[in-house]
Amino acid sequence: VYSDRIFVADQTEAFHFVKYDRKMRRIAIFADNTHPGHMTAATVLDYATVAGGDKFGNLFVSRLSNLSQSEEESAAYVPYGVMLGGAPSKLVDSVFFHVGGLLTSLTKTALFPGGQEVIVYSTLMGAIGVFVPFATTEEAELYGHFENHMRQHAPPLSGMDHARYRSYYYPVKGATDGDLI
């Protein structure tokens, strides 16, 4: 729960954004994911953004678009299932990344007092990792180019391309692999 929204994650459809309608005395779903997600961990990042992990080892960040936020009030009164594909608004996925292990915990925290907030995750096999947001697009581009150069200069030992491994279920989107850097 965050403010007046309720975020729901399930084992087949990933996230649903719901709102309680006091007048009708019911919970109305106004947004959901476009992809299936067998959720094992989730955390709320802000009023319109959630991060989740599925049983296949993927970490993703889904966000409600600004247009959908403005239509939220009117969409909350549309009965769920009337529209083809479920809820009237869909979440936009801004990050997809294959971690490699079943995610058991996700949390948004600052690593030290007054520091930048990051997403800390843990896996079933005991790995602990951190997702750090880039401050500028130039910084993101720099690390992206550096990652590409490291892929060329350090070929994988197993023979599987590193980009294919990180894109095992969904193509990598909006993330730079710190394991190569």
N, C-alpha and C. Protein backbone atom coordinates (compact mmCIF):
# COMPACT_ATOMS: atom_id res chain seq x y z
N VAL A 1 0.85 -1.18 0.00
CA VAL A 1 0.00 0.00 0.00
C VAL A 1 0.89 1.23 0.00
N TYR A 2 0.57 2.18 -0.86
CA TYR A 2 1.29 3.44 -0.94
C TYR A 2 0.26 4.52 -1.20
N SER A 3 0.07 5.39 -0.22
CA SER A 3 -0.94 6.43 -0.30
C SER A 3 -2.32 5.78 -0.48
N ASP A 4 -3.01 6.07 -1.58
CA ASP A 4 -4.34 5.51 -1.78
C ASP A 4 -4.35 4.33 -2.76
N ARG A 5 -3.17 3.87 -3.16
CA ARG A 5 -3.06 2.75 -4.09
C ARG A 5 -2.69 1.47 -3.35
N ILE A 6 -3.15 0.37 -3.92
CA ILE A 6 -2.78 -0.95 -3.43
C ILE A 6 -2.09 -1.66 -4.58
N PHE A 7 -0.90 -2.17 -4.32
CA PHE A 7 -0.14 -2.89 -5.33
C PHE A 7 -0.24 -4.38 -5.02
N VAL A 8 -0.67 -5.16 -6.01
CA VAL A 8 -0.88 -6.58 -5.82
C VAL A 8 -0.01 -7.34 -6.82
N ALA A 9 0.69 -8.36 -6.34
CA ALA A 9 1.48 -9.23 -7.21
C ALA A 9 1.00 -10.66 -7.00
N ASP A 10 0.90 -11.41 -8.10
CA ASP A 10 0.46 -12.79 -7.97
C ASP A 10 1.40 -13.72 -8.74
N GLN A 11 1.07 -14.99 -8.77
CA GLN A 11 1.94 -15.99 -9.36
C GLN A 11 1.75 -16.18 -10.86
N THR A 12 0.82 -15.47 -11.48
CA THR A 12 0.63 -15.67 -12.91
C THR A 12 0.63 -14.37 -13.73
N GLU A 13 0.18 -13.29 -13.17
CA GLU A 13 0.00 -12.07 -13.96
C GLU A 13 0.86 -10.89 -13.50
N ALA A 14 1.84 -11.11 -12.66
CA ALA A 14 2.74 -10.06 -12.17
C ALA A 14 1.98 -9.02 -11.35
N PHE A 15 2.06 -7.74 -11.72
CA PHE A 15 1.50 -6.68 -10.89
C PHE A 15 0.12 -6.22 -11.34
N HIS A 16 -0.67 -5.83 -10.35
CA HIS A 16 -1.95 -5.15 -10.57
C HIS A 16 -1.94 -3.91 -9.67
N PHE A 17 -2.36 -2.78 -10.20
CA PHE A 17 -2.55 -1.57 -9.41
C PHE A 17 -4.05 -1.46 -9.15
N VAL A 18 -4.44 -1.40 -7.89
CA VAL A 18 -5.85 -1.35 -7.55
C VAL A 18 -6.13 -0.16 -6.64
N LYS A 19 -7.39 0.20 -6.60
CA LYS A 19 -7.83 1.32 -5.78
C LYS A 19 -9.16 0.94 -5.14
N TYR A 20 -9.33 1.33 -3.90
CA TYR A 20 -10.59 1.05 -3.22
C TYR A 20 -11.59 2.15 -3.56
N ASP A 21 -12.74 1.76 -4.07
CA ASP A 21 -13.81 2.69 -4.41
C ASP A 21 -14.80 2.70 -3.24
N ARG A 22 -14.78 3.78 -2.46
CA ARG A 22 -15.64 3.87 -1.27
C ARG A 22 -17.13 3.92 -1.64
N LYS A 23 -17.43 4.62 -2.73
CA LYS A 23 -18.82 4.77 -3.13
C LYS A 23 -19.45 3.43 -3.51
N MET A 24 -18.72 2.66 -4.31
CA MET A 24 -19.23 1.36 -4.77
C MET A 24 -18.87 0.23 -3.79
N ARG A 25 -18.02 0.53 -2.82
CA ARG A 25 -17.57 -0.43 -1.81
C ARG A 25 -16.96 -1.67 -2.46
N ARG A 26 -15.97 -1.41 -3.33
CA ARG A 26 -15.27 -2.50 -4.00
C ARG A 26 -13.84 -2.07 -4.34
N ILE A 27 -13.04 -3.05 -4.64
CA ILE A 27 -11.67 -2.80 -5.09
C ILE A 27 -11.66 -2.89 -6.61
N ALA A 28 -11.16 -1.84 -7.26
CA ALA A 28 -11.15 -1.79 -8.73
C ALA A 28 -9.72 -1.84 -9.23
N ILE A 29 -9.46 -2.73 -10.18
CA ILE A 29 -8.15 -2.82 -10.81
C ILE A 29 -8.12 -1.81 -11.95
N PHE A 30 -7.10 -0.93 -11.96
CA PHE A 30 -7.03 0.06 -13.04
C PHE A 30 -5.79 -0.09 -13.90
N ALA A 31 -4.82 -0.92 -13.52
CA ALA A 31 -3.64 -1.15 -14.36
C ALA A 31 -3.04 -2.50 -14.03
N ASP A 32 -2.43 -3.12 -15.05
CA ASP A 32 -1.72 -4.39 -14.85
C ASP A 32 -0.60 -4.52 -15.85
N ASN A 33 0.21 -5.57 -15.68
CA ASN A 33 1.35 -5.83 -16.57
C ASN A 33 0.89 -6.42 -17.89
N THR A 34 1.74 -6.26 -18.91
CA THR A 34 1.46 -6.85 -20.21
C THR A 34 2.08 -8.24 -20.34
N HIS A 35 3.04 -8.56 -19.49
CA HIS A 35 3.71 -9.85 -19.56
C HIS A 35 3.39 -10.67 -18.31
N PRO A 36 3.37 -11.99 -18.44
CA PRO A 36 3.16 -12.81 -17.24
C PRO A 36 4.40 -12.78 -16.37
N GLY A 37 4.20 -12.88 -15.08
CA GLY A 37 5.33 -12.89 -14.16
C GLY A 37 5.01 -13.74 -12.95
N HIS A 38 5.79 -14.76 -12.73
CA HIS A 38 5.60 -15.65 -11.59
C HIS A 38 6.39 -15.06 -10.42
N MET A 39 5.77 -14.14 -9.70
CA MET A 39 6.45 -13.28 -8.73
C MET A 39 6.96 -14.04 -7.51
N THR A 40 8.20 -13.73 -7.12
CA THR A 40 8.78 -14.26 -5.90
C THR A 40 9.20 -13.14 -4.94
N ALA A 41 9.38 -11.91 -5.48
CA ALA A 41 9.78 -10.77 -4.65
C ALA A 41 9.27 -9.50 -5.31
N ALA A 42 8.93 -8.51 -4.49
CA ALA A 42 8.43 -7.24 -5.02
C ALA A 42 8.68 -6.13 -4.02
N THR A 43 8.80 -4.91 -4.54
CA THR A 43 8.91 -3.73 -3.69
C THR A 43 8.34 -2.53 -4.44
N VAL A 44 7.80 -1.60 -3.69
CA VAL A 44 7.26 -0.37 -4.26
C VAL A 44 8.37 0.67 -4.26
N LEU A 45 8.62 1.28 -5.43
CA LEU A 45 9.67 2.30 -5.53
C LEU A 45 9.13 3.70 -5.33
N ASP A 46 7.98 3.99 -5.91
CA ASP A 46 7.30 5.27 -5.69
C ASP A 46 5.83 5.08 -6.04
N TYR A 47 5.09 6.17 -6.12
CA TYR A 47 3.64 6.13 -6.31
C TYR A 47 3.23 5.42 -7.60
N ALA A 48 4.10 5.45 -8.62
CA ALA A 48 3.75 4.87 -9.91
C ALA A 48 4.70 3.77 -10.37
N THR A 49 5.67 3.37 -9.53
CA THR A 49 6.70 2.43 -9.97
C THR A 49 6.88 1.29 -8.97
N VAL A 50 6.99 0.08 -9.50
CA VAL A 50 7.24 -1.10 -8.68
C VAL A 50 8.37 -1.91 -9.30
N ALA A 51 9.08 -2.64 -8.46
CA ALA A 51 10.13 -3.55 -8.93
C ALA A 51 9.75 -4.95 -8.49
N GLY A 52 10.03 -5.91 -9.35
CA GLY A 52 9.67 -7.28 -9.03
C GLY A 52 10.68 -8.28 -9.55
N GLY A 53 10.65 -9.46 -8.95
CA GLY A 53 11.48 -10.56 -9.40
C GLY A 53 10.62 -11.79 -9.59
N ASP A 54 10.92 -12.58 -10.61
CA ASP A 54 10.12 -13.77 -10.85
C ASP A 54 10.94 -15.04 -10.59
N LYS A 55 10.28 -16.18 -10.71
CA LYS A 55 10.92 -17.44 -10.36
C LYS A 55 11.98 -17.87 -11.37
N PHE A 56 12.09 -17.17 -12.48
CA PHE A 56 13.09 -17.49 -13.48
C PHE A 56 14.38 -16.67 -13.31
N GLY A 57 14.43 -15.82 -12.29
CA GLY A 57 15.63 -15.04 -12.04
C GLY A 57 15.67 -13.70 -12.74
N ASN A 58 14.53 -13.21 -13.18
CA ASN A 58 14.47 -11.91 -13.84
C ASN A 58 14.06 -10.83 -12.85
N LEU A 59 14.71 -9.70 -12.94
CA LEU A 59 14.32 -8.53 -12.16
C LEU A 59 13.79 -7.50 -13.15
N PHE A 60 12.65 -6.92 -12.85
CA PHE A 60 12.08 -5.92 -13.75
C PHE A 60 11.46 -4.79 -12.95
N VAL A 61 11.41 -3.63 -13.59
CA VAL A 61 10.80 -2.43 -13.00
C VAL A 61 9.67 -2.01 -13.93
N SER A 62 8.47 -1.89 -13.38
CA SER A 62 7.29 -1.50 -14.15
C SER A 62 6.76 -0.17 -13.63
N ARG A 63 6.31 0.66 -14.57
CA ARG A 63 5.86 2.00 -14.22
C ARG A 63 4.54 2.31 -14.91
N LEU A 64 3.68 3.02 -14.21
CA LEU A 64 2.43 3.49 -14.78
C LEU A 64 2.71 4.80 -15.49
N SER A 65 2.32 4.90 -16.75
CA SER A 65 2.61 6.11 -17.51
C SER A 65 1.81 7.30 -16.97
N ASN A 66 2.27 8.50 -17.28
CA ASN A 66 1.59 9.71 -16.82
C ASN A 66 0.17 9.80 -17.35
N LEU A 67 -0.04 9.39 -18.59
CA LEU A 67 -1.38 9.39 -19.17
C LEU A 67 -2.30 8.47 -18.38
N SER A 68 -1.78 7.30 -18.02
CA SER A 68 -2.59 6.35 -17.25
C SER A 68 -2.91 6.89 -15.87
N GLN A 69 -1.99 7.64 -15.27
CA GLN A 69 -2.25 8.21 -13.95
C GLN A 69 -3.38 9.21 -14.01
N SER A 70 -3.45 10.02 -15.09
CA SER A 70 -4.52 11.00 -15.20
C SER A 70 -5.86 10.34 -15.49
N GLU A 71 -5.84 9.17 -16.12
CA GLU A 71 -7.08 8.45 -16.42
C GLU A 71 -7.50 7.50 -15.31
N GLU A 72 -6.72 7.47 -14.24
CA GLU A 72 -6.96 6.51 -13.17
C GLU A 72 -8.34 6.62 -12.56
N GLU A 73 -8.80 7.81 -12.30
CA GLU A 73 -10.10 7.99 -11.65
C GLU A 73 -11.24 7.44 -12.50
N SER A 74 -11.24 7.76 -13.80
CA SER A 74 -12.32 7.28 -14.66
C SER A 74 -12.18 5.78 -14.92
N ALA A 75 -10.95 5.29 -15.02
CA ALA A 75 -10.73 3.88 -15.32
C ALA A 75 -11.11 2.99 -14.14
N ALA A 76 -11.08 3.52 -12.95
CA ALA A 76 -11.37 2.70 -11.77
C ALA A 76 -12.82 2.21 -11.76
N TYR A 77 -13.69 2.83 -12.54
CA TYR A 77 -15.09 2.44 -12.55
C TYR A 77 -15.45 1.48 -13.67
N VAL A 78 -14.46 1.12 -14.51
CA VAL A 78 -14.69 0.14 -15.56
C VAL A 78 -14.56 -1.25 -14.94
N PRO A 79 -15.56 -2.10 -15.07
CA PRO A 79 -15.47 -3.44 -14.47
C PRO A 79 -14.30 -4.22 -15.06
N TYR A 80 -13.56 -4.91 -14.20
CA TYR A 80 -12.41 -5.69 -14.64
C TYR A 80 -12.87 -6.82 -15.55
N GLY A 81 -12.17 -7.00 -16.66
CA GLY A 81 -12.49 -8.07 -17.58
C GLY A 81 -13.39 -7.62 -18.73
N VAL A 82 -13.96 -6.41 -18.64
CA VAL A 82 -14.80 -5.91 -19.73
C VAL A 82 -13.94 -5.63 -20.95
N MET A 83 -12.77 -5.07 -20.73
CA MET A 83 -11.87 -4.75 -21.83
C MET A 83 -11.03 -5.99 -22.16
N LEU A 84 -10.72 -6.17 -23.44
CA LEU A 84 -9.88 -7.28 -23.85
C LEU A 84 -8.50 -7.11 -23.25
N GLY A 85 -8.00 -8.09 -22.56
CA GLY A 85 -6.66 -8.02 -21.98
C GLY A 85 -6.65 -7.53 -20.55
N GLY A 86 -7.80 -7.44 -19.89
CA GLY A 86 -7.80 -7.10 -18.47
C GLY A 86 -8.05 -5.64 -18.18
N ALA A 87 -7.13 -5.02 -17.42
CA ALA A 87 -7.30 -3.66 -16.92
C ALA A 87 -7.22 -2.64 -18.06
N PRO A 88 -7.86 -1.48 -17.86
CA PRO A 88 -7.86 -0.45 -18.91
C PRO A 88 -6.50 0.18 -19.16
N SER A 89 -5.62 0.22 -18.18
CA SER A 89 -4.28 0.79 -18.35
C SER A 89 -3.23 -0.30 -18.18
N LYS A 90 -2.13 -0.18 -18.89
CA LYS A 90 -1.05 -1.16 -18.82
C LYS A 90 0.20 -0.50 -18.25
N LEU A 91 0.99 -1.29 -17.51
CA LEU A 91 2.26 -0.82 -16.98
C LEU A 91 3.32 -0.90 -18.06
N VAL A 92 4.24 0.04 -18.05
CA VAL A 92 5.35 0.07 -19.00
C VAL A 92 6.59 -0.45 -18.29
N ASP A 93 7.25 -1.42 -18.89
CA ASP A 93 8.45 -1.99 -18.28
C ASP A 93 9.67 -1.18 -18.71
N SER A 94 10.37 -0.61 -17.73
CA SER A 94 11.54 0.22 -18.05
C SER A 94 12.85 -0.54 -17.84
N VAL A 95 12.84 -1.61 -17.07
CA VAL A 95 14.06 -2.39 -16.82
C VAL A 95 13.71 -3.88 -16.86
N PHE A 96 14.55 -4.64 -17.58
CA PHE A 96 14.52 -6.10 -17.56
C PHE A 96 15.95 -6.56 -17.43
N PHE A 97 16.20 -7.50 -16.52
CA PHE A 97 17.56 -7.99 -16.32
C PHE A 97 17.49 -9.40 -15.72
N HIS A 98 18.20 -10.33 -16.32
CA HIS A 98 18.25 -11.70 -15.80
C HIS A 98 19.38 -11.79 -14.79
N VAL A 99 19.03 -11.95 -13.51
CA VAL A 99 20.00 -12.01 -12.43
C VAL A 99 20.70 -13.36 -12.40
N GLY A 100 19.98 -14.41 -12.72
CA GLY A 100 20.58 -15.73 -12.77
C GLY A 100 20.17 -16.66 -11.64
N GLY A 101 19.48 -16.15 -10.64
CA GLY A 101 19.02 -16.97 -9.54
C GLY A 101 17.64 -16.52 -9.10
N LEU A 102 16.92 -17.41 -8.46
CA LEU A 102 15.58 -17.09 -8.00
C LEU A 102 15.64 -15.97 -6.95
N LEU A 103 14.98 -14.87 -7.21
CA LEU A 103 14.99 -13.73 -6.29
C LEU A 103 14.11 -14.02 -5.08
N THR A 104 14.65 -13.80 -3.91
CA THR A 104 13.89 -14.04 -2.68
C THR A 104 13.56 -12.75 -1.95
N SER A 105 14.29 -11.68 -2.23
CA SER A 105 14.05 -10.42 -1.53
C SER A 105 14.44 -9.24 -2.40
N LEU A 106 13.63 -8.21 -2.35
CA LEU A 106 13.90 -6.93 -3.01
C LEU A 106 13.56 -5.83 -2.03
N THR A 107 14.42 -4.84 -1.91
CA THR A 107 14.11 -3.71 -1.05
C THR A 107 14.76 -2.45 -1.58
N LYS A 108 14.09 -1.36 -1.39
CA LYS A 108 14.63 -0.05 -1.78
C LYS A 108 15.20 0.58 -0.51
N THR A 109 16.48 0.94 -0.55
CA THR A 109 17.13 1.47 0.64
C THR A 109 18.32 2.32 0.25
N ALA A 110 18.80 3.11 1.19
CA ALA A 110 20.04 3.85 1.03
C ALA A 110 21.13 3.05 1.74
N LEU A 111 22.28 2.90 1.11
CA LEU A 111 23.35 2.09 1.70
C LEU A 111 24.02 2.79 2.88
N PHE A 112 23.90 4.11 2.93
CA PHE A 112 24.41 4.87 4.07
C PHE A 112 23.50 6.08 4.25
N PRO A 113 23.43 6.65 5.45
CA PRO A 113 22.52 7.77 5.71
C PRO A 113 22.79 8.95 4.77
N GLY A 114 21.72 9.42 4.15
CA GLY A 114 21.83 10.54 3.22
C GLY A 114 22.29 10.15 1.83
N GLY A 115 22.53 8.88 1.59
CA GLY A 115 23.01 8.41 0.29
C GLY A 115 21.88 8.19 -0.70
N GLN A 116 22.27 7.89 -1.92
CA GLN A 116 21.31 7.63 -2.99
C GLN A 116 20.59 6.31 -2.72
N GLU A 117 19.30 6.27 -3.00
CA GLU A 117 18.54 5.03 -2.80
C GLU A 117 18.82 4.06 -3.93
N VAL A 118 18.96 2.79 -3.57
CA VAL A 118 19.26 1.72 -4.51
C VAL A 118 18.29 0.57 -4.26
N ILE A 119 18.28 -0.39 -5.17
CA ILE A 119 17.49 -1.60 -4.99
C ILE A 119 18.46 -2.72 -4.63
N VAL A 120 18.28 -3.30 -3.47
CA VAL A 120 19.12 -4.42 -3.02
C VAL A 120 18.30 -5.69 -3.17
N TYR A 121 18.92 -6.72 -3.76
CA TYR A 121 18.21 -7.99 -3.93
C TYR A 121 19.05 -9.13 -3.37
N SER A 122 18.38 -10.23 -3.08
CA SER A 122 19.07 -11.45 -2.69
C SER A 122 18.43 -12.61 -3.44
N THR A 123 19.22 -13.66 -3.63
CA THR A 123 18.73 -14.83 -4.36
C THR A 123 18.72 -16.06 -3.46
N LEU A 124 18.09 -17.09 -3.94
CA LEU A 124 17.98 -18.34 -3.19
C LEU A 124 19.35 -18.97 -2.91
N MET A 125 20.30 -18.79 -3.81
CA MET A 125 21.63 -19.36 -3.66
C MET A 125 22.56 -18.50 -2.80
N GLY A 126 22.06 -17.38 -2.27
CA GLY A 126 22.84 -16.57 -1.36
C GLY A 126 23.50 -15.35 -1.96
N ALA A 127 23.30 -15.10 -3.23
CA ALA A 127 23.89 -13.92 -3.86
C ALA A 127 23.16 -12.67 -3.39
N ILE A 128 23.92 -11.61 -3.19
CA ILE A 128 23.35 -10.31 -2.84
C ILE A 128 23.84 -9.32 -3.87
N GLY A 129 22.92 -8.56 -4.45
CA GLY A 129 23.28 -7.61 -5.49
C GLY A 129 22.58 -6.29 -5.29
N VAL A 130 23.04 -5.30 -6.05
CA VAL A 130 22.51 -3.95 -5.93
C VAL A 130 22.26 -3.39 -7.33
N PHE A 131 21.14 -2.75 -7.51
CA PHE A 131 20.84 -1.99 -8.71
C PHE A 131 20.94 -0.51 -8.35
N VAL A 132 21.87 0.19 -8.99
CA VAL A 132 22.12 1.61 -8.71
C VAL A 132 21.64 2.42 -9.90
N PRO A 133 20.75 3.39 -9.70
CA PRO A 133 20.30 4.21 -10.83
C PRO A 133 21.38 5.20 -11.26
N PHE A 134 21.50 5.41 -12.55
CA PHE A 134 22.45 6.41 -13.06
C PHE A 134 21.86 7.80 -12.90
N ALA A 135 22.72 8.76 -12.61
CA ALA A 135 22.27 10.14 -12.39
C ALA A 135 21.96 10.85 -13.71
N THR A 136 22.72 10.56 -14.76
CA THR A 136 22.52 11.24 -16.04
C THR A 136 22.51 10.22 -17.17
N THR A 137 22.01 10.63 -18.32
CA THR A 137 22.01 9.74 -19.48
C THR A 137 23.44 9.56 -20.01
N GLU A 138 24.28 10.59 -19.87
CA GLU A 138 25.68 10.46 -20.30
C GLU A 138 26.39 9.37 -19.51
N GLU A 139 26.12 9.31 -18.22
CA GLU A 139 26.70 8.27 -17.36
C GLU A 139 26.22 6.89 -17.80
N ALA A 140 24.95 6.76 -18.09
CA ALA A 140 24.40 5.48 -18.54
C ALA A 140 25.02 5.06 -19.87
N GLU A 141 25.18 6.00 -20.79
CA GLU A 141 25.79 5.69 -22.09
C GLU A 141 27.24 5.29 -21.93
N LEU A 142 27.98 5.96 -21.06
CA LEU A 142 29.39 5.64 -20.82
C LEU A 142 29.54 4.21 -20.32
N TYR A 143 28.76 3.83 -19.31
CA TYR A 143 28.84 2.49 -18.77
C TYR A 143 28.33 1.45 -19.76
N GLY A 144 27.35 1.82 -20.57
CA GLY A 144 26.87 0.91 -21.62
C GLY A 144 27.95 0.61 -22.65
N HIS A 145 28.67 1.65 -23.08
CA HIS A 145 29.78 1.45 -24.03
C HIS A 145 30.90 0.63 -23.39
N PHE A 146 31.19 0.91 -22.13
CA PHE A 146 32.22 0.16 -21.41
C PHE A 146 31.84 -1.31 -21.29
N GLU A 147 30.58 -1.58 -21.03
CA GLU A 147 30.10 -2.96 -20.95
C GLU A 147 30.28 -3.67 -22.29
N ASN A 148 29.94 -3.00 -23.39
CA ASN A 148 30.10 -3.60 -24.72
C ASN A 148 31.56 -3.91 -25.03
N HIS A 149 32.47 -3.02 -24.66
CA HIS A 149 33.90 -3.27 -24.89
C HIS A 149 34.40 -4.44 -24.04
N MET A 150 33.91 -4.54 -22.81
CA MET A 150 34.33 -5.65 -21.95
C MET A 150 33.82 -6.99 -22.49
N ARG A 151 32.65 -7.00 -23.11
CA ARG A 151 32.13 -8.23 -23.72
C ARG A 151 33.05 -8.70 -24.85
N GLN A 152 33.59 -7.75 -25.60
CA GLN A 152 34.46 -8.10 -26.72
C GLN A 152 35.83 -8.58 -26.24
N HIS A 153 36.35 -7.99 -25.17
CA HIS A 153 37.70 -8.31 -24.71
C HIS A 153 37.75 -9.45 -23.71
N ALA A 154 36.64 -9.82 -23.14
CA ALA A 154 36.60 -10.93 -22.18
C ALA A 154 35.52 -11.92 -22.61
N PRO A 155 35.82 -12.80 -23.56
CA PRO A 155 34.81 -13.76 -24.01
C PRO A 155 34.44 -14.73 -22.89
N PRO A 156 33.22 -15.23 -22.88
CA PRO A 156 32.78 -16.14 -21.81
C PRO A 156 33.50 -17.49 -21.87
N LEU A 157 33.73 -18.06 -20.71
CA LEU A 157 34.38 -19.36 -20.63
C LEU A 157 33.46 -20.49 -21.05
N SER A 158 32.16 -20.33 -20.79
CA SER A 158 31.20 -21.40 -21.08
C SER A 158 30.79 -21.45 -22.54
N GLY A 159 31.12 -20.40 -23.30
CA GLY A 159 30.75 -20.36 -24.70
C GLY A 159 29.44 -19.64 -24.97
N MET A 160 28.62 -19.41 -23.92
CA MET A 160 27.36 -18.68 -24.10
C MET A 160 27.63 -17.18 -24.04
N ASP A 161 27.13 -16.48 -25.03
CA ASP A 161 27.31 -15.03 -25.08
C ASP A 161 26.70 -14.39 -23.84
N HIS A 162 27.43 -13.44 -23.26
CA HIS A 162 26.97 -12.82 -22.02
C HIS A 162 25.65 -12.05 -22.21
N ALA A 163 25.51 -11.38 -23.35
CA ALA A 163 24.27 -10.64 -23.62
C ALA A 163 23.09 -11.59 -23.73
N ARG A 164 23.30 -12.75 -24.31
CA ARG A 164 22.22 -13.75 -24.40
C ARG A 164 21.86 -14.29 -23.03
N TYR A 165 22.87 -14.47 -22.16
CA TYR A 165 22.60 -14.95 -20.81
C TYR A 165 21.77 -13.94 -20.02
N ARG A 166 22.11 -12.67 -20.07
CA ARG A 166 21.37 -11.65 -19.34
C ARG A 166 19.99 -11.40 -19.96
N SER A 167 19.78 -11.86 -21.18
CA SER A 167 18.49 -11.73 -21.87
C SER A 167 17.81 -13.08 -21.98
N TYR A 168 17.98 -13.94 -21.00
CA TYR A 168 17.54 -15.33 -21.10
C TYR A 168 16.05 -15.46 -21.38
N TYR A 169 15.20 -14.71 -20.68
CA TYR A 169 13.75 -14.79 -20.88
C TYR A 169 13.19 -13.57 -21.59
N TYR A 170 13.71 -12.41 -21.29
CA TYR A 170 13.31 -11.15 -21.93
C TYR A 170 14.58 -10.40 -22.31
N PRO A 171 14.58 -9.65 -23.38
CA PRO A 171 15.78 -8.88 -23.75
C PRO A 171 16.14 -7.88 -22.65
N VAL A 172 17.45 -7.73 -22.37
CA VAL A 172 17.90 -6.76 -21.39
C VAL A 172 17.44 -5.38 -21.82
N LYS A 173 16.92 -4.64 -20.85
CA LYS A 173 16.40 -3.31 -21.16
C LYS A 173 16.68 -2.41 -19.96
N GLY A 174 17.32 -1.28 -20.23
CA GLY A 174 17.50 -0.26 -19.20
C GLY A 174 18.46 -0.63 -18.09
N ALA A 175 19.37 -1.58 -18.32
CA ALA A 175 20.31 -1.99 -17.27
C ALA A 175 21.68 -2.23 -17.88
N THR A 176 22.72 -1.93 -17.12
CA THR A 176 24.09 -2.21 -17.48
C THR A 176 24.63 -3.24 -16.51
N ASP A 177 25.28 -4.26 -17.02
CA ASP A 177 25.76 -5.36 -16.19
C ASP A 177 27.04 -4.97 -15.48
N GLY A 178 26.97 -4.82 -14.17
CA GLY A 178 28.12 -4.47 -13.36
C GLY A 178 29.08 -5.62 -13.16
N ASP A 179 28.67 -6.86 -13.45
CA ASP A 179 29.57 -8.00 -13.30
C ASP A 179 30.72 -7.93 -14.31
N LEU A 180 30.49 -7.30 -15.46
CA LEU A 180 31.53 -7.17 -16.46
C LEU A 180 32.47 -6.01 -16.17
N ILE A 181 32.00 -5.03 -15.43
CA ILE A 181 32.79 -3.81 -15.21
C ILE A 181 33.75 -3.98 -14.07
